[in-house]
Protein backbone atom coordinates (compact mmCIF):
# COMPACT_ATOMS: atom_id res chain seq x y z
CA SER A 1 10.83 32.74 -35.46
CA ASN A 2 9.84 30.21 -38.10
CA GLY A 3 9.94 27.21 -35.76
CA SER A 4 13.16 25.70 -37.07
CA LEU A 5 16.67 25.63 -35.66
CA ASN A 6 19.58 26.97 -37.68
CA VAL A 7 22.91 25.16 -37.49
CA ALA A 8 26.07 27.09 -38.27
CA GLY A 9 27.64 25.96 -41.52
CA ASP A 10 31.12 27.18 -40.72
CA VAL A 11 33.67 24.71 -39.42
CA PRO A 12 35.44 26.09 -36.33
CA SER A 13 39.14 26.85 -36.73
CA GLN A 14 39.96 24.32 -33.98
CA THR A 15 38.29 21.59 -36.02
CA ARG A 16 40.15 22.58 -39.18
CA GLU A 17 43.45 22.58 -37.26
CA ALA A 18 42.73 19.17 -35.73
CA GLU A 19 41.92 17.82 -39.19
CA LYS A 20 45.29 19.05 -40.51
CA GLN A 21 47.11 17.41 -37.60
CA MET A 22 45.20 14.14 -37.91
CA LYS A 23 45.97 13.85 -41.64
CA LYS A 24 49.63 13.49 -40.63
CA LEU A 25 48.95 10.70 -38.13
CA THR A 26 48.32 6.97 -38.44
CA GLY A 27 47.74 4.07 -36.07
CA GLN A 28 47.61 4.62 -32.33
CA PRO A 29 48.56 8.35 -32.40
CA PHE A 30 45.65 8.97 -34.80
CA ASP A 31 43.26 6.91 -32.67
CA GLN A 32 44.26 8.77 -29.52
CA MET A 33 43.90 12.21 -31.05
CA TYR A 34 40.56 11.22 -32.59
CA LEU A 35 39.24 10.04 -29.22
CA VAL A 36 40.44 13.18 -27.44
CA LYS A 37 38.78 15.43 -30.03
CA MET A 38 35.54 13.44 -30.07
CA ASP A 39 35.44 13.49 -26.27
CA GLY A 40 35.70 17.28 -26.37
CA TYR A 41 32.94 17.54 -28.96
CA VAL A 42 30.67 15.24 -26.96
CA LYS A 43 31.25 17.22 -23.77
CA ASN A 44 30.34 20.39 -25.68
CA ASP A 45 27.24 18.68 -27.10
CA LEU A 46 26.17 17.68 -23.59
CA GLN A 47 26.56 21.23 -22.33
CA THR A 48 24.58 22.59 -25.28
CA ALA A 49 21.89 19.93 -24.82
CA ARG A 50 21.51 20.73 -21.12
CA SER A 51 21.12 24.42 -21.92
CA ALA A 52 18.55 23.73 -24.63
CA ALA A 53 16.58 21.32 -22.44
CA ALA A 54 16.48 23.95 -19.70
CA MET A 55 14.69 26.42 -22.00
CA MET A 56 11.29 24.99 -21.20
CA SER A 57 9.45 28.02 -22.57
CA LEU A 58 10.39 26.90 -26.09
CA PRO A 59 9.20 23.29 -26.57
CA GLU A 60 11.06 22.77 -29.87
CA ILE A 61 14.39 23.70 -28.29
CA SER A 62 13.70 21.69 -25.14
CA ASP A 63 12.83 18.58 -27.21
CA ALA A 64 15.89 19.00 -29.45
CA GLY A 65 18.07 19.41 -26.37
CA MET A 66 16.78 16.17 -24.87
CA ARG A 67 17.38 14.25 -28.12
CA MET A 68 20.86 15.77 -28.42
CA ARG A 69 21.65 14.84 -24.82
CA THR A 70 20.58 11.22 -25.40
CA MET A 71 22.85 10.98 -28.45
CA ALA A 72 25.75 12.66 -26.65
CA ASP A 73 25.38 10.33 -23.65
CA SER A 74 25.57 7.35 -26.00
CA ARG A 75 28.65 8.72 -27.73
CA GLU A 76 30.29 9.43 -24.38
CA GLN A 77 29.76 5.78 -23.39
CA GLN A 78 31.25 4.60 -26.70
CA ILE A 79 34.33 6.80 -26.23
CA ALA A 80 34.78 5.54 -22.67
CA LYS A 81 34.62 1.94 -23.88
CA LEU A 82 37.12 2.56 -26.69
CA THR A 83 39.59 4.36 -24.44
CA GLU A 84 39.33 1.58 -21.87
CA GLU A 85 39.94 -1.09 -24.53
CA ALA A 86 42.93 0.88 -25.85
CA HIS A 87 44.29 1.46 -22.32
CA PHE A 88 44.23 5.18 -23.07
CA LYS A 89 43.16 7.86 -20.63
CA ILE A 90 41.73 11.18 -21.78
CA GLU A 91 42.89 13.99 -19.49
């Protein structure tokens, strides 16, 4: 109503659990888990961005969705490059 977007401040339980698991890892197992989690976040960002961009009746949300999609696309390309270099496949 005031023209700004609110972002939830709470960290999802899945993120907290992943953080606990990752604190126990080092080296390649850490890298692999990090890439899997980031890939999931990016895929979620892309879905959210597509939904926001589709809401053409609200220009602020549509614009934010397009910017978010551009960033998520870039991150997805970075993750793909890293997993290829590490010879690691995300299922």
